[in-house]
Amino acid sequence: MTLQIKKGTSKKGLLAEIEKRTGVNLSACFQCKKCSSGCAVGDLVESPPSEIMRRLHLGAGDELLESDLIWTCASCETCSSRCPMGIDVAAVMDALRVLCLERSKAKVTPKVFNRAFLNSVKRHGRTYEMGMVTAYKFGTGAFMGDVDKFPMMLKKGKLSLLPSSGADKKTVKRIFKNLRQKKEGE
């Protein structure tokens, strides 16, 4: 893929904003590509983590917020643990997702999925897949897209019809309350 970086109004593009939000010094990255070689979704995306880091160095602007990696990233933190310079690459991806949502650059599907996931955790204390998938399908309008996978997922125990009752709902409720208070204070 050819890198095309559009110059924005800011000299540093997203770099300063990402460093401010994460506390990560991105200039420490020397492009060893260990983050990409260990990435669980690196083969599924156009731009692996090392390319995202490089594009930030080169002054990428809002076009970086359209990268498929920021929404495909599983937040497994393998990239962060493999980095010889101790860069928290997963935090960078999280910050890019937040910026994307704040600037309304996200395509409908990632926003809907993200909201469905967070609402499921907020409501049940952990992910309730059936509820999350239902919310996602209603949000995207793609009701029958992958309905053929449903019986096999049920059979293999990948989906349960009822939510799990083993979650610590009080702790999750406190986390969401603290987040809401923090946002109101800004």
N, C-alpha and C. Protein backbone atom coordinates (compact mmCIF):
# COMPACT_ATOMS: atom_id res chain seq x y z
N MET A 1 0.85 -1.19 0.00
CA MET A 1 0.00 0.00 0.00
C MET A 1 0.89 1.24 0.00
N THR A 2 0.58 2.20 -0.82
CA THR A 2 1.32 3.44 -0.89
C THR A 2 0.85 4.37 0.21
N LEU A 3 1.80 4.91 0.95
CA LEU A 3 1.45 5.85 2.00
C LEU A 3 1.20 7.22 1.41
N GLN A 4 0.06 7.77 1.71
CA GLN A 4 -0.23 9.14 1.31
C GLN A 4 -0.65 9.89 2.56
N ILE A 5 0.14 10.87 2.89
CA ILE A 5 -0.14 11.65 4.09
C ILE A 5 -0.48 13.07 3.67
N LYS A 6 -1.69 13.47 4.04
CA LYS A 6 -2.15 14.82 3.71
C LYS A 6 -1.71 15.76 4.81
N LYS A 7 -1.16 16.88 4.41
CA LYS A 7 -0.74 17.85 5.40
C LYS A 7 -1.97 18.58 5.93
N GLY A 8 -2.05 18.63 7.24
CA GLY A 8 -3.16 19.33 7.88
C GLY A 8 -2.72 20.70 8.33
N THR A 9 -3.54 21.30 9.18
CA THR A 9 -3.21 22.63 9.68
C THR A 9 -2.13 22.54 10.76
N SER A 10 -2.06 21.42 11.43
CA SER A 10 -1.06 21.22 12.48
C SER A 10 0.21 20.64 11.88
N LYS A 11 1.37 21.14 12.33
CA LYS A 11 2.64 20.61 11.82
C LYS A 11 2.82 19.14 12.17
N LYS A 12 2.39 18.77 13.36
CA LYS A 12 2.62 17.42 13.83
C LYS A 12 1.42 16.49 13.61
N GLY A 13 0.37 16.95 12.99
CA GLY A 13 -0.78 16.10 12.75
C GLY A 13 -1.36 15.58 14.05
N LEU A 14 -1.57 14.28 14.10
CA LEU A 14 -2.16 13.65 15.28
C LEU A 14 -1.13 13.32 16.36
N LEU A 15 0.14 13.39 16.02
CA LEU A 15 1.21 12.97 16.93
C LEU A 15 1.10 13.61 18.30
N ALA A 16 1.01 14.93 18.35
CA ALA A 16 0.97 15.63 19.64
C ALA A 16 -0.28 15.24 20.44
N GLU A 17 -1.40 15.12 19.76
CA GLU A 17 -2.65 14.76 20.43
C GLU A 17 -2.58 13.35 21.02
N ILE A 18 -2.03 12.41 20.27
CA ILE A 18 -1.90 11.03 20.74
C ILE A 18 -0.92 10.96 21.92
N GLU A 19 0.20 11.66 21.83
CA GLU A 19 1.16 11.66 22.92
C GLU A 19 0.57 12.27 24.18
N LYS A 20 -0.21 13.32 24.01
CA LYS A 20 -0.86 13.98 25.15
C LYS A 20 -1.87 13.04 25.82
N ARG A 21 -2.67 12.35 25.03
CA ARG A 21 -3.71 11.47 25.57
C ARG A 21 -3.15 10.21 26.21
N THR A 22 -2.06 9.69 25.68
CA THR A 22 -1.55 8.40 26.15
C THR A 22 -0.35 8.53 27.09
N GLY A 23 0.35 9.65 27.04
CA GLY A 23 1.57 9.78 27.81
C GLY A 23 2.71 8.97 27.22
N VAL A 24 2.56 8.55 25.97
CA VAL A 24 3.55 7.72 25.28
C VAL A 24 4.43 8.61 24.42
N ASN A 25 5.74 8.39 24.48
CA ASN A 25 6.68 9.11 23.63
C ASN A 25 6.84 8.32 22.33
N LEU A 26 6.12 8.70 21.30
CA LEU A 26 6.14 7.95 20.05
C LEU A 26 7.45 8.07 19.28
N SER A 27 8.25 9.07 19.60
CA SER A 27 9.53 9.21 18.90
C SER A 27 10.52 8.12 19.33
N ALA A 28 10.20 7.37 20.37
CA ALA A 28 11.07 6.26 20.80
C ALA A 28 10.97 5.07 19.84
N CYS A 29 9.94 5.03 19.02
CA CYS A 29 9.76 3.92 18.08
C CYS A 29 10.83 3.98 16.99
N PHE A 30 11.58 2.89 16.83
CA PHE A 30 12.60 2.87 15.78
C PHE A 30 12.26 1.88 14.67
N GLN A 31 10.98 1.54 14.55
CA GLN A 31 10.46 0.73 13.44
C GLN A 31 11.08 -0.66 13.36
N CYS A 32 11.18 -1.35 14.49
CA CYS A 32 11.69 -2.73 14.48
C CYS A 32 10.61 -3.70 13.99
N LYS A 33 9.37 -3.26 14.02
CA LYS A 33 8.19 -4.00 13.53
C LYS A 33 7.83 -5.22 14.37
N LYS A 34 8.32 -5.27 15.61
CA LYS A 34 7.92 -6.37 16.49
C LYS A 34 6.44 -6.28 16.83
N CYS A 35 5.90 -5.08 16.89
CA CYS A 35 4.48 -4.91 17.17
C CYS A 35 3.65 -5.55 16.06
N SER A 36 4.07 -5.38 14.82
CA SER A 36 3.33 -5.94 13.69
C SER A 36 3.51 -7.45 13.57
N SER A 37 4.72 -7.93 13.88
CA SER A 37 4.95 -9.37 13.73
C SER A 37 4.19 -10.18 14.76
N GLY A 38 3.82 -9.57 15.89
CA GLY A 38 3.06 -10.29 16.90
C GLY A 38 1.59 -9.97 16.90
N CYS A 39 1.17 -9.07 16.02
CA CYS A 39 -0.22 -8.61 16.00
C CYS A 39 -1.17 -9.73 15.57
N ALA A 40 -2.19 -9.95 16.39
CA ALA A 40 -3.17 -11.02 16.11
C ALA A 40 -4.00 -10.73 14.87
N VAL A 41 -4.16 -9.46 14.53
CA VAL A 41 -4.98 -9.11 13.36
C VAL A 41 -4.15 -8.45 12.26
N GLY A 42 -2.84 -8.46 12.41
CA GLY A 42 -1.94 -7.81 11.45
C GLY A 42 -2.11 -8.27 10.01
N ASP A 43 -2.42 -9.56 9.84
CA ASP A 43 -2.59 -10.10 8.48
C ASP A 43 -3.96 -9.75 7.89
N LEU A 44 -4.86 -9.24 8.70
CA LEU A 44 -6.22 -8.96 8.25
C LEU A 44 -6.45 -7.50 7.89
N VAL A 45 -5.46 -6.66 8.12
CA VAL A 45 -5.63 -5.22 7.92
C VAL A 45 -4.67 -4.70 6.86
N GLU A 46 -5.02 -3.56 6.30
CA GLU A 46 -4.16 -2.93 5.30
C GLU A 46 -2.92 -2.31 5.93
N SER A 47 -3.09 -1.71 7.11
CA SER A 47 -1.99 -1.03 7.78
C SER A 47 -1.72 -1.67 9.14
N PRO A 48 -0.61 -2.40 9.29
CA PRO A 48 -0.29 -3.01 10.59
C PRO A 48 0.16 -1.94 11.59
N PRO A 49 0.32 -2.29 12.87
CA PRO A 49 0.68 -1.30 13.89
C PRO A 49 1.94 -0.51 13.59
N SER A 50 2.97 -1.15 13.04
CA SER A 50 4.22 -0.42 12.76
C SER A 50 3.99 0.68 11.73
N GLU A 51 3.11 0.42 10.78
CA GLU A 51 2.81 1.44 9.77
C GLU A 51 2.03 2.60 10.38
N ILE A 52 1.13 2.30 11.27
CA ILE A 52 0.38 3.36 11.96
C ILE A 52 1.35 4.24 12.75
N MET A 53 2.29 3.60 13.44
CA MET A 53 3.28 4.36 14.21
C MET A 53 4.13 5.24 13.28
N ARG A 54 4.53 4.69 12.15
CA ARG A 54 5.34 5.45 11.20
C ARG A 54 4.56 6.61 10.61
N ARG A 55 3.31 6.36 10.28
CA ARG A 55 2.48 7.42 9.73
C ARG A 55 2.29 8.55 10.73
N LEU A 56 2.18 8.21 12.01
CA LEU A 56 2.11 9.25 13.04
C LEU A 56 3.40 10.08 13.05
N HIS A 57 4.57 9.40 12.94
CA HIS A 57 5.86 10.11 12.89
C HIS A 57 5.93 11.07 11.72
N LEU A 58 5.36 10.64 10.60
CA LEU A 58 5.44 11.45 9.38
C LEU A 58 4.42 12.58 9.33
N GLY A 59 3.61 12.71 10.38
CA GLY A 59 2.68 13.83 10.44
C GLY A 59 1.30 13.55 9.89
N ALA A 60 0.87 12.30 9.94
CA ALA A 60 -0.45 11.96 9.43
C ALA A 60 -1.53 12.76 10.13
N GLY A 61 -2.53 13.11 9.37
CA GLY A 61 -3.66 13.85 9.91
C GLY A 61 -4.86 12.94 10.09
N ASP A 62 -6.04 13.50 9.92
CA ASP A 62 -7.29 12.77 10.15
C ASP A 62 -7.49 11.57 9.24
N GLU A 63 -6.74 11.49 8.13
CA GLU A 63 -6.88 10.32 7.25
C GLU A 63 -6.47 9.03 7.97
N LEU A 64 -5.62 9.16 8.99
CA LEU A 64 -5.20 8.00 9.77
C LEU A 64 -6.37 7.42 10.57
N LEU A 65 -7.34 8.26 10.88
CA LEU A 65 -8.51 7.82 11.64
C LEU A 65 -9.42 6.91 10.81
N GLU A 66 -9.15 6.82 9.53
CA GLU A 66 -9.93 5.93 8.66
C GLU A 66 -9.26 4.57 8.48
N SER A 67 -8.16 4.34 9.18
CA SER A 67 -7.46 3.07 9.09
C SER A 67 -8.32 1.94 9.66
N ASP A 68 -8.28 0.81 8.98
CA ASP A 68 -9.07 -0.33 9.45
C ASP A 68 -8.51 -0.94 10.72
N LEU A 69 -7.22 -0.76 11.00
CA LEU A 69 -6.61 -1.37 12.18
C LEU A 69 -7.20 -0.84 13.47
N ILE A 70 -7.49 0.44 13.54
CA ILE A 70 -7.95 0.98 14.82
C ILE A 70 -9.26 0.35 15.27
N TRP A 71 -10.06 -0.16 14.33
CA TRP A 71 -11.31 -0.83 14.71
C TRP A 71 -11.16 -2.35 14.71
N THR A 72 -10.18 -2.88 14.03
CA THR A 72 -9.97 -4.33 14.01
C THR A 72 -9.12 -4.77 15.19
N CYS A 73 -8.33 -3.87 15.73
CA CYS A 73 -7.44 -4.16 16.86
C CYS A 73 -8.22 -4.83 17.99
N ALA A 74 -7.69 -5.95 18.46
CA ALA A 74 -8.35 -6.73 19.52
C ALA A 74 -7.97 -6.24 20.92
N SER A 75 -7.11 -5.23 21.01
CA SER A 75 -6.63 -4.70 22.29
C SER A 75 -6.04 -5.81 23.17
N CYS A 76 -5.37 -6.76 22.54
CA CYS A 76 -4.77 -7.88 23.29
C CYS A 76 -3.46 -7.46 23.94
N GLU A 77 -2.90 -6.33 23.52
CA GLU A 77 -1.68 -5.74 24.05
C GLU A 77 -0.42 -6.54 23.76
N THR A 78 -0.49 -7.45 22.79
CA THR A 78 0.71 -8.18 22.38
C THR A 78 1.74 -7.21 21.82
N CYS A 79 1.27 -6.23 21.05
CA CYS A 79 2.17 -5.24 20.46
C CYS A 79 2.93 -4.48 21.55
N SER A 80 2.22 -4.10 22.58
CA SER A 80 2.84 -3.34 23.68
C SER A 80 3.85 -4.20 24.44
N SER A 81 3.52 -5.46 24.66
CA SER A 81 4.44 -6.31 25.41
C SER A 81 5.68 -6.68 24.60
N ARG A 82 5.57 -6.67 23.27
CA ARG A 82 6.72 -7.03 22.42
C ARG A 82 7.64 -5.85 22.14
N CYS A 83 7.18 -4.64 22.38
CA CYS A 83 7.96 -3.45 22.02
C CYS A 83 9.21 -3.34 22.88
N PRO A 84 10.39 -3.34 22.27
CA PRO A 84 11.64 -3.23 23.04
C PRO A 84 11.83 -1.85 23.67
N MET A 85 11.09 -0.87 23.20
CA MET A 85 11.19 0.48 23.74
C MET A 85 10.11 0.78 24.77
N GLY A 86 9.25 -0.19 25.04
CA GLY A 86 8.20 -0.03 26.05
C GLY A 86 7.06 0.88 25.63
N ILE A 87 6.87 1.03 24.33
CA ILE A 87 5.78 1.88 23.84
C ILE A 87 4.46 1.11 23.98
N ASP A 88 3.47 1.77 24.55
CA ASP A 88 2.15 1.16 24.71
C ASP A 88 1.35 1.37 23.42
N VAL A 89 1.60 0.52 22.44
CA VAL A 89 0.95 0.64 21.12
C VAL A 89 -0.56 0.46 21.25
N ALA A 90 -1.00 -0.42 22.15
CA ALA A 90 -2.44 -0.63 22.34
C ALA A 90 -3.11 0.65 22.83
N ALA A 91 -2.43 1.41 23.68
CA ALA A 91 -2.99 2.69 24.15
C ALA A 91 -3.10 3.68 22.99
N VAL A 92 -2.15 3.62 22.07
CA VAL A 92 -2.20 4.48 20.89
C VAL A 92 -3.44 4.14 20.05
N MET A 93 -3.70 2.84 19.87
CA MET A 93 -4.89 2.42 19.10
C MET A 93 -6.17 2.86 19.81
N ASP A 94 -6.19 2.74 21.13
CA ASP A 94 -7.36 3.20 21.89
C ASP A 94 -7.57 4.69 21.71
N ALA A 95 -6.48 5.47 21.79
CA ALA A 95 -6.58 6.92 21.62
C ALA A 95 -7.06 7.28 20.22
N LEU A 96 -6.59 6.53 19.22
CA LEU A 96 -7.05 6.78 17.85
C LEU A 96 -8.55 6.49 17.71
N ARG A 97 -9.03 5.43 18.37
CA ARG A 97 -10.47 5.13 18.34
C ARG A 97 -11.28 6.25 18.98
N VAL A 98 -10.80 6.74 20.12
CA VAL A 98 -11.50 7.83 20.81
C VAL A 98 -11.53 9.08 19.94
N LEU A 99 -10.39 9.42 19.35
CA LEU A 99 -10.34 10.59 18.46
C LEU A 99 -11.27 10.42 17.27
N CYS A 100 -11.31 9.22 16.74
CA CYS A 100 -12.16 8.92 15.59
C CYS A 100 -13.63 9.18 15.94
N LEU A 101 -14.04 8.71 17.10
CA LEU A 101 -15.42 8.92 17.53
C LEU A 101 -15.69 10.39 17.82
N GLU A 102 -14.74 11.07 18.46
CA GLU A 102 -14.91 12.48 18.77
C GLU A 102 -15.03 13.33 17.50
N ARG A 103 -14.28 12.97 16.50
CA ARG A 103 -14.28 13.75 15.26
C ARG A 103 -15.26 13.21 14.23
N SER A 104 -16.05 12.22 14.63
CA SER A 104 -17.08 11.61 13.77
C SER A 104 -16.53 11.12 12.45
N LYS A 105 -15.35 10.51 12.50
CA LYS A 105 -14.73 9.98 11.29
C LYS A 105 -15.05 8.50 11.12
N ALA A 106 -15.62 7.87 12.15
CA ALA A 106 -15.86 6.43 12.09
C ALA A 106 -16.99 6.11 11.14
N LYS A 107 -16.84 5.00 10.46
CA LYS A 107 -17.92 4.50 9.65
C LYS A 107 -18.97 3.97 10.60
N VAL A 108 -20.19 3.80 10.15
CA VAL A 108 -21.29 3.39 11.01
C VAL A 108 -21.02 2.09 11.73
N THR A 109 -20.52 1.07 11.05
CA THR A 109 -20.37 -0.26 11.63
C THR A 109 -19.50 -0.27 12.89
N PRO A 110 -18.29 0.31 12.90
CA PRO A 110 -17.49 0.27 14.13
C PRO A 110 -18.16 1.00 15.29
N LYS A 111 -18.79 2.13 15.02
CA LYS A 111 -19.47 2.86 16.08
C LYS A 111 -20.58 2.02 16.68
N VAL A 112 -21.36 1.39 15.84
CA VAL A 112 -22.48 0.58 16.30
C VAL A 112 -21.96 -0.60 17.11
N PHE A 113 -20.92 -1.26 16.62
CA PHE A 113 -20.35 -2.40 17.33
C PHE A 113 -19.81 -1.97 18.69
N ASN A 114 -19.06 -0.87 18.71
CA ASN A 114 -18.48 -0.37 19.94
C ASN A 114 -19.56 -0.05 20.97
N ARG A 115 -20.61 0.63 20.54
CA ARG A 115 -21.71 0.97 21.45
C ARG A 115 -22.43 -0.28 21.93
N ALA A 116 -22.68 -1.23 21.03
CA ALA A 116 -23.36 -2.47 21.41
C ALA A 116 -22.53 -3.22 22.45
N PHE A 117 -21.23 -3.28 22.25
CA PHE A 117 -20.34 -3.96 23.18
C PHE A 117 -20.35 -3.28 24.55
N LEU A 118 -20.14 -1.97 24.58
CA LEU A 118 -20.08 -1.25 25.85
C LEU A 118 -21.41 -1.28 26.59
N ASN A 119 -22.51 -1.17 25.86
CA ASN A 119 -23.83 -1.25 26.50
C ASN A 119 -24.06 -2.63 27.09
N SER A 120 -23.59 -3.67 26.42
CA SER A 120 -23.72 -5.03 26.92
C SER A 120 -22.94 -5.19 28.23
N VAL A 121 -21.72 -4.68 28.26
CA VAL A 121 -20.90 -4.76 29.47
C VAL A 121 -21.53 -3.93 30.59
N LYS A 122 -22.00 -2.76 30.24
CA LYS A 122 -22.62 -1.88 31.23
C LYS A 122 -23.86 -2.53 31.85
N ARG A 123 -24.65 -3.17 31.04
CA ARG A 123 -25.91 -3.76 31.49
C ARG A 123 -25.71 -5.07 32.26
N HIS A 124 -24.78 -5.91 31.80
CA HIS A 124 -24.64 -7.25 32.37
C HIS A 124 -23.36 -7.47 33.18
N GLY A 125 -22.47 -6.49 33.19
CA GLY A 125 -21.22 -6.65 33.93
C GLY A 125 -20.15 -7.36 33.12
N ARG A 126 -20.50 -7.91 32.01
CA ARG A 126 -19.59 -8.56 31.06
C ARG A 126 -20.34 -8.66 29.74
N THR A 127 -19.68 -9.15 28.72
CA THR A 127 -20.32 -9.23 27.41
C THR A 127 -21.37 -10.33 27.39
N TYR A 128 -22.56 -9.96 26.97
CA TYR A 128 -23.62 -10.93 26.70
C TYR A 128 -23.79 -10.93 25.18
N GLU A 129 -23.23 -11.96 24.56
CA GLU A 129 -23.09 -12.00 23.10
C GLU A 129 -24.42 -11.88 22.36
N MET A 130 -25.43 -12.61 22.81
CA MET A 130 -26.71 -12.57 22.09
C MET A 130 -27.31 -11.16 22.10
N GLY A 131 -27.26 -10.51 23.25
CA GLY A 131 -27.77 -9.16 23.34
C GLY A 131 -26.95 -8.19 22.51
N MET A 132 -25.64 -8.38 22.54
CA MET A 132 -24.75 -7.51 21.78
C MET A 132 -24.98 -7.68 20.28
N VAL A 133 -25.07 -8.92 19.83
CA VAL A 133 -25.29 -9.19 18.40
C VAL A 133 -26.64 -8.62 17.97
N THR A 134 -27.65 -8.76 18.80
CA THR A 134 -28.98 -8.23 18.47
C THR A 134 -28.92 -6.71 18.33
N ALA A 135 -28.28 -6.03 19.29
CA ALA A 135 -28.15 -4.58 19.21
C ALA A 135 -27.36 -4.16 17.97
N TYR A 136 -26.31 -4.90 17.67
CA TYR A 136 -25.49 -4.60 16.50
C TYR A 136 -26.30 -4.76 15.21
N LYS A 137 -27.05 -5.86 15.12
CA LYS A 137 -27.86 -6.11 13.92
C LYS A 137 -28.92 -5.03 13.73
N PHE A 138 -29.56 -4.61 14.82
CA PHE A 138 -30.55 -3.54 14.71
C PHE A 138 -29.89 -2.22 14.33
N GLY A 139 -28.69 -1.98 14.83
CA GLY A 139 -27.97 -0.74 14.52
C GLY A 139 -27.50 -0.66 13.08
N THR A 140 -27.12 -1.79 12.51
CA THR A 140 -26.62 -1.78 11.13
C THR A 140 -27.70 -2.08 10.11
N GLY A 141 -28.76 -2.73 10.55
CA GLY A 141 -29.83 -3.11 9.63
C GLY A 141 -29.52 -4.35 8.82
N ALA A 142 -28.38 -4.99 9.09
CA ALA A 142 -27.99 -6.20 8.36
C ALA A 142 -28.44 -7.42 9.16
N PHE A 143 -29.73 -7.69 9.15
CA PHE A 143 -30.32 -8.72 10.00
C PHE A 143 -29.94 -10.14 9.58
N MET A 144 -29.86 -10.41 8.32
CA MET A 144 -29.67 -11.78 7.86
C MET A 144 -28.27 -12.06 7.32
N GLY A 145 -27.35 -11.13 7.49
CA GLY A 145 -26.02 -11.23 6.91
C GLY A 145 -25.27 -12.51 7.22
N ASP A 146 -25.26 -12.95 8.44
CA ASP A 146 -24.50 -14.14 8.81
C ASP A 146 -25.32 -15.08 9.69
N VAL A 147 -26.60 -15.12 9.42
CA VAL A 147 -27.51 -15.95 10.20
C VAL A 147 -27.19 -17.44 10.07
N ASP A 148 -26.54 -17.84 9.00
CA ASP A 148 -26.18 -19.24 8.80
C ASP A 148 -25.14 -19.74 9.81
N LYS A 149 -24.41 -18.82 10.43
CA LYS A 149 -23.39 -19.19 11.42
C LYS A 149 -23.99 -19.43 12.81
N PHE A 150 -25.18 -18.94 13.03
CA PHE A 150 -25.81 -19.00 14.35
C PHE A 150 -25.95 -20.43 14.91
N PRO A 151 -26.48 -21.40 14.17
CA PRO A 151 -26.62 -22.75 14.74
C PRO A 151 -25.29 -23.37 15.17
N MET A 152 -24.26 -23.20 14.36
CA MET A 152 -22.96 -23.79 14.69
C MET A 152 -22.36 -23.11 15.93
N MET A 153 -22.52 -21.80 16.05
CA MET A 153 -22.00 -21.08 17.22
C MET A 153 -22.72 -21.52 18.48
N LEU A 154 -24.01 -21.75 18.39
CA LEU A 154 -24.76 -22.26 19.53
C LEU A 154 -24.29 -23.66 19.90
N LYS A 155 -24.13 -24.50 18.89
CA LYS A 155 -23.71 -25.88 19.10
C LYS A 155 -22.34 -25.97 19.77
N LYS A 156 -21.42 -25.09 19.36
CA LYS A 156 -20.06 -25.10 19.91
C LYS A 156 -19.95 -24.34 21.24
N GLY A 157 -21.06 -23.77 21.69
CA GLY A 157 -21.05 -23.05 22.96
C GLY A 157 -20.44 -21.66 22.88
N LYS A 158 -20.37 -21.11 21.69
CA LYS A 158 -19.80 -19.77 21.52
C LYS A 158 -20.81 -18.68 21.89
N LEU A 159 -22.09 -19.03 21.86
CA LEU A 159 -23.15 -18.11 22.24
C LEU A 159 -24.03 -18.78 23.28
N SER A 160 -24.46 -18.01 24.24
CA SER A 160 -25.43 -18.55 25.20
C SER A 160 -26.71 -17.74 25.07
N LEU A 161 -27.82 -18.39 25.28
CA LEU A 161 -29.10 -17.73 25.11
C LEU A 161 -29.40 -16.75 26.24
N LEU A 162 -28.86 -17.01 27.43
CA LEU A 162 -29.08 -16.13 28.58
C LEU A 162 -27.76 -15.52 29.04
N PRO A 163 -27.81 -14.31 29.60
CA PRO A 163 -26.57 -13.70 30.08
C PRO A 163 -26.01 -14.43 31.29
N SER A 164 -24.69 -14.37 31.43
CA SER A 164 -24.01 -14.99 32.56
C SER A 164 -24.32 -14.19 33.82
N SER A 165 -24.41 -14.88 34.94
CA SER A 165 -24.71 -14.18 36.19
C SER A 165 -23.47 -14.05 37.08
N GLY A 166 -22.30 -14.41 36.59
CA GLY A 166 -21.10 -14.42 37.42
C GLY A 166 -20.30 -13.14 37.41
N ALA A 167 -20.80 -12.08 36.84
CA ALA A 167 -20.03 -10.84 36.71
C ALA A 167 -20.14 -9.99 37.97
N ASP A 168 -19.13 -9.16 38.19
CA ASP A 168 -19.12 -8.22 39.31
C ASP A 168 -19.76 -6.92 38.81
N LYS A 169 -21.07 -6.88 38.81
CA LYS A 169 -21.80 -5.73 38.25
C LYS A 169 -21.55 -4.44 39.01
N LYS A 170 -21.31 -4.52 40.31
CA LYS A 170 -21.06 -3.31 41.10
C LYS A 170 -19.78 -2.62 40.65
N THR A 171 -18.73 -3.40 40.42
CA THR A 171 -17.46 -2.82 39.98
C THR A 171 -17.60 -2.19 38.60
N VAL A 172 -18.28 -2.89 37.70
CA VAL A 172 -18.48 -2.36 36.34
C VAL A 172 -19.31 -1.09 36.39
N LYS A 173 -20.35 -1.08 37.23
CA LYS A 173 -21.20 0.11 37.36
C LYS A 173 -20.38 1.29 37.88
N ARG A 174 -19.48 1.02 38.84
CA ARG A 174 -18.61 2.06 39.39
C ARG A 174 -17.67 2.61 38.32
N ILE A 175 -17.13 1.74 37.49
CA ILE A 175 -16.22 2.16 36.42
C ILE A 175 -16.94 3.09 35.45
N PHE A 176 -18.13 2.71 35.01
CA PHE A 176 -18.89 3.55 34.09
C PHE A 176 -19.30 4.87 34.75
N LYS A 177 -19.62 4.85 36.05
CA LYS A 177 -19.98 6.07 36.78
C LYS A 177 -18.78 7.01 36.85
N ASN A 178 -17.60 6.46 37.18
CA ASN A 178 -16.39 7.28 37.24
C ASN A 178 -16.06 7.89 35.88
N LEU A 179 -16.23 7.12 34.83
CA LEU A 179 -15.98 7.62 33.49
C LEU A 179 -16.92 8.77 33.15
N ARG A 180 -18.20 8.58 33.47
CA ARG A 180 -19.20 9.63 33.19
C ARG A 180 -18.87 10.91 33.97
N GLN A 181 -18.46 10.78 35.24
CA GLN A 181 -18.11 11.93 36.05
C GLN A 181 -16.86 12.62 35.49
N LYS A 182 -15.92 11.84 35.02
CA LYS A 182 -14.69 12.41 34.45
C LYS A 182 -15.02 13.20 33.20
N LYS A 183 -15.91 12.67 32.35
CA LYS A 183 -16.29 13.38 31.12
C LYS A 183 -17.04 14.67 31.44
N GLU A 184 -17.89 14.65 32.47
CA GLU A 184 -18.65 15.84 32.85
C GLU A 184 -17.73 16.91 33.42
N GLY A 185 -16.63 16.49 34.07
CA GLY A 185 -15.68 17.43 34.67
C GLY A 185 -14.77 18.10 33.68
N GLU A 186 -14.67 17.55 32.47
CA GLU A 186 -13.75 18.13 31.46
C GLU A 186 -14.31 19.36 30.82
